[in-house]
Amino acid sequence: MSVSDRYSQLASLLFEVERELRQMQLWADESPPAAALLSSEPFSIDVLTFSQWLQFVFLPKMYQTIELAGELPESCSVAPMAEEFFKAERIEASSMIRHLGALDRFICGQ
């Protein structure tokens, strides 16, 4: 697979995650305070919900990686965190978790 094809496939996976967030009505209209986006905790768990982290940290960072043809992370385990978050919030998210699992496999299988 060419580099261009890999970035195209990654973009498709990211768009699916964004679409799921919107369909689940978890897409926020307003960004959290700038300080919240600077958290050093995994998934910014200290200041953001998981869905906020996806929208305001993860997706922009991954889109930027595609735009700059940058290196993908060495590992990715977003799906397990999603499972825990949505289970705790009692939100049905099996489709979202499937999309994030596919994203994890894509990144880890590079």
PDB file of N, CA and C in Angstrom:
ATOM      1  N   MET A   1       0.844  -1.174   0.000  1.00  0.00           N
ATOM      2  CA  MET A   1       0.000   0.000   0.000  1.00  0.00           C
ATOM      3  C   MET A   1       0.887   1.234   0.000  1.00  0.00           C
ATOM      4  N   SER A   2       0.558   2.167  -0.861  1.00  0.00           N
ATOM      5  CA  SER A   2       1.350   3.393  -0.939  1.00  0.00           C
ATOM      6  C   SER A   2       1.076   4.269   0.283  1.00  0.00           C
ATOM      7  N   VAL A   3       1.985   5.211   0.526  1.00  0.00           N
ATOM      8  CA  VAL A   3       1.829   6.135   1.646  1.00  0.00           C
ATOM      9  C   VAL A   3       0.535   6.930   1.479  1.00  0.00           C
ATOM     10  N   SER A   4       0.269   7.379   0.273  1.00  0.00           N
ATOM     11  CA  SER A   4      -0.947   8.138  -0.011  1.00  0.00           C
ATOM     12  C   SER A   4      -2.195   7.319   0.308  1.00  0.00           C
ATOM     13  N   ASP A   5      -2.185   6.051  -0.080  1.00  0.00           N
ATOM     14  CA  ASP A   5      -3.318   5.169   0.209  1.00  0.00           C
ATOM     15  C   ASP A   5      -3.496   4.975   1.714  1.00  0.00           C
ATOM     16  N   ARG A   6      -2.384   4.877   2.433  1.00  0.00           N
ATOM     17  CA  ARG A   6      -2.453   4.689   3.892  1.00  0.00           C
ATOM     18  C   ARG A   6      -3.099   5.915   4.549  1.00  0.00           C
ATOM     19  N   TYR A   7      -2.695   7.105   4.129  1.00  0.00           N
ATOM     20  CA  TYR A   7      -3.277   8.321   4.704  1.00  0.00           C
ATOM     21  C   TYR A   7      -4.748   8.447   4.318  1.00  0.00           C
ATOM     22  N   SER A   8      -5.091   8.051   3.114  1.00  0.00           N
ATOM     23  CA  SER A   8      -6.487   8.090   2.678  1.00  0.00           C
ATOM     24  C   SER A   8      -7.334   7.133   3.515  1.00  0.00           C
ATOM     25  N   GLN A   9      -6.814   5.955   3.760  1.00  0.00           N
ATOM     26  CA  GLN A   9      -7.528   4.976   4.575  1.00  0.00           C
ATOM     27  C   GLN A   9      -7.666   5.472   6.019  1.00  0.00           C
ATOM     28  N   LEU A  10      -6.611   6.071   6.545  1.00  0.00           N
ATOM     29  CA  LEU A  10      -6.652   6.626   7.887  1.00  0.00           C
ATOM     30  C   LEU A  10      -7.701   7.736   7.971  1.00  0.00           C
ATOM     31  N   ALA A  11      -7.743   8.614   6.983  1.00  0.00           N
ATOM     32  CA  ALA A  11      -8.733   9.696   6.963  1.00  0.00           C
ATOM     33  C   ALA A  11     -10.149   9.125   6.981  1.00  0.00           C
ATOM     34  N   SER A  12     -10.381   8.073   6.232  1.00  0.00           N
ATOM     35  CA  SER A  12     -11.708   7.444   6.208  1.00  0.00           C
ATOM     36  C   SER A  12     -12.086   6.918   7.588  1.00  0.00           C
ATOM     37  N   LEU A  13     -11.133   6.290   8.262  1.00  0.00           N
ATOM     38  CA  LEU A  13     -11.395   5.784   9.612  1.00  0.00           C
ATOM     39  C   LEU A  13     -11.704   6.925  10.579  1.00  0.00           C
ATOM     40  N   LEU A  14     -10.967   8.010  10.471  1.00  0.00           N
ATOM     41  CA  LEU A  14     -11.192   9.164  11.339  1.00  0.00           C
ATOM     42  C   LEU A  14     -12.546   9.810  11.060  1.00  0.00           C
ATOM     43  N   PHE A  15     -12.932   9.897   9.799  1.00  0.00           N
ATOM     44  CA  PHE A  15     -14.233  10.470   9.443  1.00  0.00           C
ATOM     45  C   PHE A  15     -15.369   9.639  10.046  1.00  0.00           C
ATOM     46  N   GLU A  16     -15.178   8.317  10.074  1.00  0.00           N
ATOM     47  CA  GLU A  16     -16.197   7.444  10.676  1.00  0.00           C
ATOM     48  C   GLU A  16     -16.343   7.717  12.170  1.00  0.00           C
ATOM     49  N   VAL A  17     -15.234   7.935  12.844  1.00  0.00           N
ATOM     50  CA  VAL A  17     -15.284   8.258  14.269  1.00  0.00           C
ATOM     51  C   VAL A  17     -16.010   9.583  14.471  1.00  0.00           C
ATOM     52  N   GLU A  18     -15.680  10.576  13.662  1.00  0.00           N
ATOM     53  CA  GLU A  18     -16.343  11.873  13.760  1.00  0.00           C
ATOM     54  C   GLU A  18     -17.840  11.735  13.492  1.00  0.00           C
ATOM     55  N   ARG A  19     -18.187  10.972  12.481  1.00  0.00           N
ATOM     56  CA  ARG A  19     -19.602  10.753  12.144  1.00  0.00           C
ATOM     57  C   ARG A  19     -20.338  10.104  13.316  1.00  0.00           C
ATOM     58  N   GLU A  20     -19.695   9.127  13.944  1.00  0.00           N
ATOM     59  CA  GLU A  20     -20.315   8.454  15.097  1.00  0.00           C
ATOM     60  C   GLU A  20     -20.534   9.424  16.250  1.00  0.00           C
ATOM     61  N   LEU A  21     -19.545  10.260  16.528  1.00  0.00           N
ATOM     62  CA  LEU A  21     -19.702  11.244  17.600  1.00  0.00           C
ATOM     63  C   LEU A  21     -20.907  12.152  17.327  1.00  0.00           C
ATOM     64  N   ARG A  22     -21.044  12.555  16.093  1.00  0.00           N
ATOM     65  CA  ARG A  22     -22.162  13.424  15.733  1.00  0.00           C
ATOM     66  C   ARG A  22     -23.502  12.687  15.861  1.00  0.00           C
ATOM     67  N   GLN A  23     -23.552  11.445  15.364  1.00  0.00           N
ATOM     68  CA  GLN A  23     -24.790  10.674  15.431  1.00  0.00           C
ATOM     69  C   GLN A  23     -25.180  10.373  16.882  1.00  0.00           C
ATOM     70  N   MET A  24     -24.198  10.187  17.725  1.00  0.00           N
ATOM     71  CA  MET A  24     -24.461   9.913  19.137  1.00  0.00           C
ATOM     72  C   MET A  24     -24.765  11.195  19.912  1.00  0.00           C
ATOM     73  N   GLN A  25     -24.759  12.313  19.213  1.00  0.00           N
ATOM     74  CA  GLN A  25     -24.989  13.640  19.787  1.00  0.00           C
ATOM     75  C   GLN A  25     -23.976  13.953  20.892  1.00  0.00           C
ATOM     76  N   LEU A  26     -22.731  13.540  20.644  1.00  0.00           N
ATOM     77  CA  LEU A  26     -21.635  13.816  21.563  1.00  0.00           C
ATOM     78  C   LEU A  26     -20.679  14.852  20.992  1.00  0.00           C
ATOM     79  N   TRP A  27     -21.020  15.416  19.842  1.00  0.00           N
ATOM     80  CA  TRP A  27     -20.186  16.426  19.197  1.00  0.00           C
ATOM     81  C   TRP A  27     -20.494  17.771  19.837  1.00  0.00           C
ATOM     82  N   ALA A  28     -19.496  18.396  20.419  1.00  0.00           N
ATOM     83  CA  ALA A  28     -19.694  19.678  21.102  1.00  0.00           C
ATOM     84  C   ALA A  28     -19.611  20.836  20.115  1.00  0.00           C
ATOM     85  N   ASP A  29     -20.424  21.832  20.361  1.00  0.00           N
ATOM     86  CA  ASP A  29     -20.414  23.025  19.513  1.00  0.00           C
ATOM     87  C   ASP A  29     -19.301  23.987  19.895  1.00  0.00           C
ATOM     88  N   GLU A  30     -18.895  23.932  21.165  1.00  0.00           N
ATOM     89  CA  GLU A  30     -17.865  24.847  21.649  1.00  0.00           C
ATOM     90  C   GLU A  30     -16.671  24.074  22.183  1.00  0.00           C
ATOM     91  N   SER A  31     -15.512  24.616  21.924  1.00  0.00           N
ATOM     92  CA  SER A  31     -14.271  24.018  22.408  1.00  0.00           C
ATOM     93  C   SER A  31     -14.135  24.259  23.912  1.00  0.00           C
ATOM     94  N   PRO A  32     -13.531  23.297  24.621  1.00  0.00           N
ATOM     95  CA  PRO A  32     -13.258  23.525  26.039  1.00  0.00           C
ATOM     96  C   PRO A  32     -12.205  24.630  26.189  1.00  0.00           C
ATOM     97  N   PRO A  33     -12.017  25.149  27.403  1.00  0.00           N
ATOM     98  CA  PRO A  33     -10.989  26.177  27.605  1.00  0.00           C
ATOM     99  C   PRO A  33      -9.622  25.682  27.117  1.00  0.00           C
ATOM    100  N   ALA A  34      -8.827  26.591  26.604  1.00  0.00           N
ATOM    101  CA  ALA A  34      -7.518  26.231  26.054  1.00  0.00           C
ATOM    102  C   ALA A  34      -6.670  25.448  27.037  1.00  0.00           C
ATOM    103  N   ALA A  35      -6.732  25.793  28.315  1.00  0.00           N
ATOM    104  CA  ALA A  35      -5.938  25.085  29.327  1.00  0.00           C
ATOM    105  C   ALA A  35      -6.304  23.605  29.394  1.00  0.00           C
ATOM    106  N   ALA A  36      -7.565  23.285  29.139  1.00  0.00           N
ATOM    107  CA  ALA A  36      -7.999  21.888  29.180  1.00  0.00           C
ATOM    108  C   ALA A  36      -7.355  21.065  28.065  1.00  0.00           C
ATOM    109  N   LEU A  37      -6.996  21.723  26.990  1.00  0.00           N
ATOM    110  CA  LEU A  37      -6.399  21.009  25.855  1.00  0.00           C
ATOM    111  C   LEU A  37      -4.907  20.771  26.050  1.00  0.00           C
ATOM    112  N   LEU A  38      -4.352  21.252  27.133  1.00  0.00           N
ATOM    113  CA  LEU A  38      -2.922  21.100  27.408  1.00  0.00           C
ATOM    114  C   LEU A  38      -2.632  20.042  28.467  1.00  0.00           C
ATOM    115  N   SER A  39      -3.633  19.303  28.869  1.00  0.00           N
ATOM    116  CA  SER A  39      -3.453  18.289  29.902  1.00  0.00           C
ATOM    117  C   SER A  39      -2.379  17.287  29.509  1.00  0.00           C
ATOM    118  N   SER A  40      -1.614  16.837  30.484  1.00  0.00           N
ATOM    119  CA  SER A  40      -0.594  15.825  30.215  1.00  0.00           C
ATOM    120  C   SER A  40      -1.056  14.438  30.649  1.00  0.00           C
ATOM    121  N   GLU A  41      -2.264  14.345  31.184  1.00  0.00           N
ATOM    122  CA  GLU A  41      -2.816  13.051  31.593  1.00  0.00           C
ATOM    123  C   GLU A  41      -3.254  12.262  30.356  1.00  0.00           C
ATOM    124  N   PRO A  42      -3.155  10.936  30.413  1.00  0.00           N
ATOM    125  CA  PRO A  42      -3.647  10.128  29.296  1.00  0.00           C
ATOM    126  C   PRO A  42      -5.126  10.449  29.017  1.00  0.00           C
ATOM    127  N   PHE A  43      -5.433  10.644  27.760  1.00  0.00           N
ATOM    128  CA  PHE A  43      -6.787  10.961  27.299  1.00  0.00           C
ATOM    129  C   PHE A  43      -7.329  12.243  27.951  1.00  0.00           C
ATOM    130  N   SER A  44      -6.453  13.058  28.516  1.00  0.00           N
ATOM    131  CA  SER A  44      -6.843  14.301  29.209  1.00  0.00           C
ATOM    132  C   SER A  44      -7.964  14.047  30.215  1.00  0.00           C
ATOM    133  N   ILE A  45      -7.895  12.876  30.828  1.00  0.00           N
ATOM    134  CA  ILE A  45      -8.967  12.407  31.705  1.00  0.00           C
ATOM    135  C   ILE A  45      -9.231  13.339  32.884  1.00  0.00           C
ATOM    136  N   ASP A  46      -8.257  14.142  33.222  1.00  0.00           N
ATOM    137  CA  ASP A  46      -8.431  15.051  34.357  1.00  0.00           C
ATOM    138  C   ASP A  46      -9.294  16.269  34.039  1.00  0.00           C
ATOM    139  N   VAL A  47      -9.449  16.598  32.757  1.00  0.00           N
ATOM    140  CA  VAL A  47     -10.176  17.825  32.409  1.00  0.00           C
ATOM    141  C   VAL A  47     -11.209  17.666  31.290  1.00  0.00           C
ATOM    142  N   LEU A  48     -11.173  16.567  30.555  1.00  0.00           N
ATOM    143  CA  LEU A  48     -12.101  16.361  29.445  1.00  0.00           C
ATOM    144  C   LEU A  48     -12.817  15.028  29.577  1.00  0.00           C
ATOM    145  N   THR A  49     -14.006  14.944  29.012  1.00  0.00           N
ATOM    146  CA  THR A  49     -14.633  13.634  28.869  1.00  0.00           C
ATOM    147  C   THR A  49     -13.929  12.928  27.714  1.00  0.00           C
ATOM    148  N   PHE A  50     -14.123  11.645  27.590  1.00  0.00           N
ATOM    149  CA  PHE A  50     -13.488  10.907  26.501  1.00  0.00           C
ATOM    150  C   PHE A  50     -13.947  11.428  25.142  1.00  0.00           C
ATOM    151  N   SER A  51     -15.238  11.702  25.007  1.00  0.00           N
ATOM    152  CA  SER A  51     -15.727  12.202  23.710  1.00  0.00           C
ATOM    153  C   SER A  51     -15.144  13.582  23.398  1.00  0.00           C
ATOM    154  N   GLN A  52     -14.952  14.427  24.416  1.00  0.00           N
ATOM    155  CA  GLN A  52     -14.284  15.714  24.186  1.00  0.00           C
ATOM    156  C   GLN A  52     -12.845  15.494  23.760  1.00  0.00           C
ATOM    157  N   TRP A  53     -12.169  14.547  24.391  1.00  0.00           N
ATOM    158  CA  TRP A  53     -10.785  14.253  24.027  1.00  0.00           C
ATOM    159  C   TRP A  53     -10.718  13.807  22.568  1.00  0.00           C
ATOM    160  N   LEU A  54     -11.641  12.931  22.160  1.00  0.00           N
ATOM    161  CA  LEU A  54     -11.654  12.499  20.761  1.00  0.00           C
ATOM    162  C   LEU A  54     -11.804  13.698  19.830  1.00  0.00           C
ATOM    163  N   GLN A  55     -12.779  14.548  20.135  1.00  0.00           N
ATOM    164  CA  GLN A  55     -13.093  15.668  19.247  1.00  0.00           C
ATOM    165  C   GLN A  55     -12.023  16.746  19.232  1.00  0.00           C
ATOM    166  N   PHE A  56     -11.508  17.097  20.392  1.00  0.00           N
ATOM    167  CA  PHE A  56     -10.647  18.274  20.473  1.00  0.00           C
ATOM    168  C   PHE A  56      -9.154  17.991  20.556  1.00  0.00           C
ATOM    169  N   VAL A  57      -8.784  16.741  20.813  1.00  0.00           N
ATOM    170  CA  VAL A  57      -7.359  16.400  20.908  1.00  0.00           C
ATOM    171  C   VAL A  57      -6.990  15.347  19.864  1.00  0.00           C
ATOM    172  N   PHE A  58      -7.613  14.189  19.937  1.00  0.00           N
ATOM    173  CA  PHE A  58      -7.217  13.072  19.086  1.00  0.00           C
ATOM    174  C   PHE A  58      -7.466  13.326  17.601  1.00  0.00           C
ATOM    175  N   LEU A  59      -8.713  13.652  17.246  1.00  0.00           N
ATOM    176  CA  LEU A  59      -9.012  13.853  15.825  1.00  0.00           C
ATOM    177  C   LEU A  59      -8.179  14.971  15.202  1.00  0.00           C
ATOM    178  N   PRO A  60      -8.084  16.151  15.833  1.00  0.00           N
ATOM    179  CA  PRO A  60      -7.242  17.192  15.215  1.00  0.00           C
ATOM    180  C   PRO A  60      -5.781  16.768  15.060  1.00  0.00           C
ATOM    181  N   LYS A  61      -5.264  16.068  16.067  1.00  0.00           N
ATOM    182  CA  LYS A  61      -3.872  15.627  15.986  1.00  0.00           C
ATOM    183  C   LYS A  61      -3.679  14.630  14.842  1.00  0.00           C
ATOM    184  N   MET A  62      -4.625  13.724  14.673  1.00  0.00           N
ATOM    185  CA  MET A  62      -4.508  12.736  13.601  1.00  0.00           C
ATOM    186  C   MET A  62      -4.718  13.381  12.230  1.00  0.00           C
ATOM    187  N   TYR A  63      -5.656  14.317  12.127  1.00  0.00           N
ATOM    188  CA  TYR A  63      -5.850  15.032  10.858  1.00  0.00           C
ATOM    189  C   TYR A  63      -4.588  15.821  10.498  1.00  0.00           C
ATOM    190  N   GLN A  64      -3.957  16.406  11.497  1.00  0.00           N
ATOM    191  CA  GLN A  64      -2.716  17.139  11.256  1.00  0.00           C
ATOM    192  C   GLN A  64      -1.610  16.192  10.792  1.00  0.00           C
ATOM    193  N   THR A  65      -1.572  15.010  11.360  1.00  0.00           N
ATOM    194  CA  THR A  65      -0.587  14.012  10.938  1.00  0.00           C
ATOM    195  C   THR A  65      -0.763  13.689   9.455  1.00  0.00           C
ATOM    196  N   ILE A  66      -2.009  13.535   9.036  1.00  0.00           N
ATOM    197  CA  ILE A  66      -2.288  13.256   7.623  1.00  0.00           C
ATOM    198  C   ILE A  66      -1.869  14.450   6.766  1.00  0.00           C
ATOM    199  N   GLU A  67      -2.260  15.638   7.179  1.00  0.00           N
ATOM    200  CA  GLU A  67      -1.963  16.854   6.413  1.00  0.00           C
ATOM    201  C   GLU A  67      -0.467  17.057   6.216  1.00  0.00           C
ATOM    202  N   LEU A  68       0.306  16.755   7.248  1.00  0.00           N
ATOM    203  CA  LEU A  68       1.754  16.958   7.199  1.00  0.00           C
ATOM    204  C   LEU A  68       2.513  15.706   6.760  1.00  0.00           C
ATOM    205  N   ALA A  69       1.761  14.651   6.421  1.00  0.00           N
ATOM    206  CA  ALA A  69       2.370  13.366   6.078  1.00  0.00           C
ATOM    207  C   ALA A  69       3.345  12.936   7.174  1.00  0.00           C
ATOM    208  N   GLY A  70       2.908  13.114   8.408  1.00  0.00           N
ATOM    209  CA  GLY A  70       3.747  12.792   9.557  1.00  0.00           C
ATOM    210  C   GLY A  70       3.720  11.326   9.926  1.00  0.00           C
ATOM    211  N   GLU A  71       4.539  11.021  10.907  1.00  0.00           N
ATOM    212  CA  GLU A  71       4.606   9.650  11.412  1.00  0.00           C
ATOM    213  C   GLU A  71       3.377   9.342  12.261  1.00  0.00           C
ATOM    214  N   LEU A  72       2.863   8.146  12.092  1.00  0.00           N
ATOM    215  CA  LEU A  72       1.761   7.708  12.936  1.00  0.00           C
ATOM    216  C   LEU A  72       2.304   7.275  14.292  1.00  0.00           C
ATOM    217  N   PRO A  73       1.458   7.306  15.318  1.00  0.00           N
ATOM    218  CA  PRO A  73       1.924   6.854  16.631  1.00  0.00           C
ATOM    219  C   PRO A  73       2.414   5.408  16.558  1.00  0.00           C
ATOM    220  N   GLU A  74       3.306   5.059  17.464  1.00  0.00           N
ATOM    221  CA  GLU A  74       3.814   3.682  17.487  1.00  0.00           C
ATOM    222  C   GLU A  74       2.766   2.701  17.978  1.00  0.00           C
ATOM    223  N   SER A  75       1.874   3.181  18.820  1.00  0.00           N
ATOM    224  CA  SER A  75       0.799   2.328  19.308  1.00  0.00           C
ATOM    225  C   SER A  75      -0.447   3.171  19.494  1.00  0.00           C
ATOM    226  N   CYS A  76      -1.555   2.496  19.584  1.00  0.00           N
ATOM    227  CA  CYS A  76      -2.819   3.184  19.765  1.00  0.00           C
ATOM    228  C   CYS A  76      -3.762   2.221  20.468  1.00  0.00           C
ATOM    229  N   SER A  77      -4.345   2.656  21.537  1.00  0.00           N
ATOM    230  CA  SER A  77      -5.317   1.817  22.247  1.00  0.00           C
ATOM    231  C   SER A  77      -6.484   2.678  22.712  1.00  0.00           C
ATOM    232  N   VAL A  78      -7.142   3.262  21.738  1.00  0.00           N
ATOM    233  CA  VAL A  78      -8.268   4.129  22.013  1.00  0.00           C
ATOM    234  C   VAL A  78      -9.526   3.311  22.290  1.00  0.00           C
ATOM    235  N   ALA A  79      -9.711   2.202  21.600  1.00  0.00           N
ATOM    236  CA  ALA A  79     -10.931   1.403  21.766  1.00  0.00           C
ATOM    237  C   ALA A  79     -11.132   0.917  23.198  1.00  0.00           C
ATOM    238  N   PRO A  80     -10.106   0.406  23.889  1.00  0.00           N
ATOM    239  CA  PRO A  80     -10.326  -0.024  25.276  1.00  0.00           C
ATOM    240  C   PRO A  80     -10.778   1.124  26.182  1.00  0.00           C
ATOM    241  N   MET A  81     -10.230   2.306  25.975  1.00  0.00           N
ATOM    242  CA  MET A  81     -10.652   3.461  26.766  1.00  0.00           C
ATOM    243  C   MET A  81     -12.100   3.806  26.441  1.00  0.00           C
ATOM    244  N   ALA A  82     -12.470   3.727  25.175  1.00  0.00           N
ATOM    245  CA  ALA A  82     -13.849   3.994  24.770  1.00  0.00           C
ATOM    246  C   ALA A  82     -14.807   3.016  25.445  1.00  0.00           C
ATOM    247  N   GLU A  83     -14.433   1.757  25.466  1.00  0.00           N
ATOM    248  CA  GLU A  83     -15.284   0.757  26.116  1.00  0.00           C
ATOM    249  C   GLU A  83     -15.543   1.124  27.571  1.00  0.00           C
ATOM    250  N   GLU A  84     -14.499   1.481  28.280  1.00  0.00           N
ATOM    251  CA  GLU A  84     -14.634   1.846  29.693  1.00  0.00           C
ATOM    252  C   GLU A  84     -15.487   3.100  29.875  1.00  0.00           C
ATOM    253  N   PHE A  85     -15.223   4.107  29.083  1.00  0.00           N
ATOM    254  CA  PHE A  85     -15.962   5.364  29.194  1.00  0.00           C
ATOM    255  C   PHE A  85     -17.444   5.157  28.927  1.00  0.00           C
ATOM    256  N   PHE A  86     -17.769   4.553  27.793  1.00  0.00           N
ATOM    257  CA  PHE A  86     -19.168   4.408  27.420  1.00  0.00           C
ATOM    258  C   PHE A  86     -19.905   3.455  28.356  1.00  0.00           C
ATOM    259  N   LYS A  87     -19.225   2.452  28.853  1.00  0.00           N
ATOM    260  CA  LYS A  87     -19.828   1.542  29.838  1.00  0.00           C
ATOM    261  C   LYS A  87     -20.165   2.316  31.115  1.00  0.00           C
ATOM    262  N   ALA A  88     -19.224   3.120  31.601  1.00  0.00           N
ATOM    263  CA  ALA A  88     -19.441   3.902  32.823  1.00  0.00           C
ATOM    264  C   ALA A  88     -20.558   4.928  32.636  1.00  0.00           C
ATOM    265  N   GLU A  89     -20.664   5.490  31.441  1.00  0.00           N
ATOM    266  CA  GLU A  89     -21.690   6.496  31.153  1.00  0.00           C
ATOM    267  C   GLU A  89     -23.017   5.863  30.735  1.00  0.00           C
ATOM    268  N   ARG A  90     -23.000   4.540  30.596  1.00  0.00           N
ATOM    269  CA  ARG A  90     -24.193   3.784  30.174  1.00  0.00           C
ATOM    270  C   ARG A  90     -24.724   4.276  28.832  1.00  0.00           C
ATOM    271  N   ILE A  91     -23.792   4.430  27.910  1.00  0.00           N
ATOM    272  CA  ILE A  91     -24.125   4.866  26.559  1.00  0.00           C
ATOM    273  C   ILE A  91     -23.856   3.708  25.605  1.00  0.00           C
ATOM    274  N   GLU A  92     -24.830   3.367  24.784  1.00  0.00           N
ATOM    275  CA  GLU A  92     -24.661   2.323  23.772  1.00  0.00           C
ATOM    276  C   GLU A  92     -23.722   2.865  22.699  1.00  0.00           C
ATOM    277  N   ALA A  93     -22.579   2.220  22.560  1.00  0.00           N
ATOM    278  CA  ALA A  93     -21.565   2.740  21.644  1.00  0.00           C
ATOM    279  C   ALA A  93     -20.845   1.630  20.882  1.00  0.00           C
ATOM    280  N   SER A  94     -21.528   0.526  20.623  1.00  0.00           N
ATOM    281  CA  SER A  94     -20.851  -0.596  19.981  1.00  0.00           C
ATOM    282  C   SER A  94     -20.288  -0.223  18.605  1.00  0.00           C
ATOM    283  N   SER A  95     -21.009   0.594  17.850  1.00  0.00           N
ATOM    284  CA  SER A  95     -20.519   1.009  16.534  1.00  0.00           C
ATOM    285  C   SER A  95     -19.270   1.881  16.676  1.00  0.00           C
ATOM    286  N   MET A  96     -19.291   2.817  17.618  1.00  0.00           N
ATOM    287  CA  MET A  96     -18.127   3.674  17.863  1.00  0.00           C
ATOM    288  C   MET A  96     -16.924   2.830  18.273  1.00  0.00           C
ATOM    289  N   ILE A  97     -17.137   1.877  19.142  1.00  0.00           N
ATOM    290  CA  ILE A  97     -16.043   1.031  19.625  1.00  0.00           C
ATOM    291  C   ILE A  97     -15.476   0.205  18.475  1.00  0.00           C
ATOM    292  N   ARG A  98     -16.334  -0.273  17.586  1.00  0.00           N
ATOM    293  CA  ARG A  98     -15.850  -1.006  16.398  1.00  0.00           C
ATOM    294  C   ARG A  98     -14.971  -0.111  15.532  1.00  0.00           C
ATOM    295  N   HIS A  99     -15.415   1.131  15.320  1.00  0.00           N
ATOM    296  CA  HIS A  99     -14.628   2.063  14.496  1.00  0.00           C
ATOM    297  C   HIS A  99     -13.289   2.374  15.158  1.00  0.00           C
ATOM    298  N   LEU A 100     -13.300   2.578  16.457  1.00  0.00           N
ATOM    299  CA  LEU A 100     -12.046   2.861  17.159  1.00  0.00           C
ATOM    300  C   LEU A 100     -11.137   1.636  17.182  1.00  0.00           C
ATOM    301  N   GLY A 101     -11.718   0.450  17.270  1.00  0.00           N
ATOM    302  CA  GLY A 101     -10.924  -0.776  17.203  1.00  0.00           C
ATOM    303  C   GLY A 101     -10.245  -0.911  15.847  1.00  0.00           C
ATOM    304  N   ALA A 102     -10.971  -0.586  14.790  1.00  0.00           N
ATOM    305  CA  ALA A 102     -10.394  -0.634  13.435  1.00  0.00           C
ATOM    306  C   ALA A 102      -9.247   0.389  13.332  1.00  0.00           C
ATOM    307  N   LEU A 103      -9.449   1.545  13.921  1.00  0.00           N
ATOM    308  CA  LEU A 103      -8.407   2.572  13.930  1.00  0.00           C
ATOM    309  C   LEU A 103      -7.179   2.103  14.699  1.00  0.00           C
ATOM    310  N   ASP A 104      -7.397   1.510  15.859  1.00  0.00           N
ATOM    311  CA  ASP A 104      -6.285   0.950  16.650  1.00  0.00           C
ATOM    312  C   ASP A 104      -5.501  -0.072  15.829  1.00  0.00           C
ATOM    313  N   ARG A 105      -6.233  -1.000  15.189  1.00  0.00           N
ATOM    314  CA  ARG A 105      -5.568  -2.044  14.391  1.00  0.00           C
ATOM    315  C   ARG A 105      -4.803  -1.435  13.221  1.00  0.00           C
ATOM    316  N   PHE A 106      -5.381  -0.431  12.586  1.00  0.00           N
ATOM    317  CA  PHE A 106      -4.725   0.216  11.453  1.00  0.00           C
ATOM    318  C   PHE A 106      -3.410   0.839  11.908  1.00  0.00           C
ATOM    319  N   ILE A 107      -3.444   1.578  12.998  1.00  0.00           N
ATOM    320  CA  ILE A 107      -2.232   2.265  13.479  1.00  0.00           C
ATOM    321  C   ILE A 107      -1.196   1.263  13.965  1.00  0.00           C
ATOM    322  N   CYS A 108      -1.635   0.275  14.727  1.00  0.00           N
ATOM    323  CA  CYS A 108      -0.686  -0.712  15.276  1.00  0.00           C
ATOM    324  C   CYS A 108      -0.148  -1.646  14.192  1.00  0.00           C
ATOM    325  N   GLY A 109      -0.887  -1.814  13.107  1.00  0.00           N
ATOM    326  CA  GLY A 109      -0.459  -2.729  12.064  1.00  0.00           C
ATOM    327  C   GLY A 109       0.400  -2.096  10.999  1.00  0.00           C
ATOM    328  N   GLN A 110       0.811  -0.850  11.220  1.00  0.00           N
ATOM    329  CA  GLN A 110       1.572  -0.135  10.193  1.00  0.00           C
ATOM    330  C   GLN A 110       2.842  -0.767   9.899  1.00  0.00           C
TER     331      GLN A 110
END
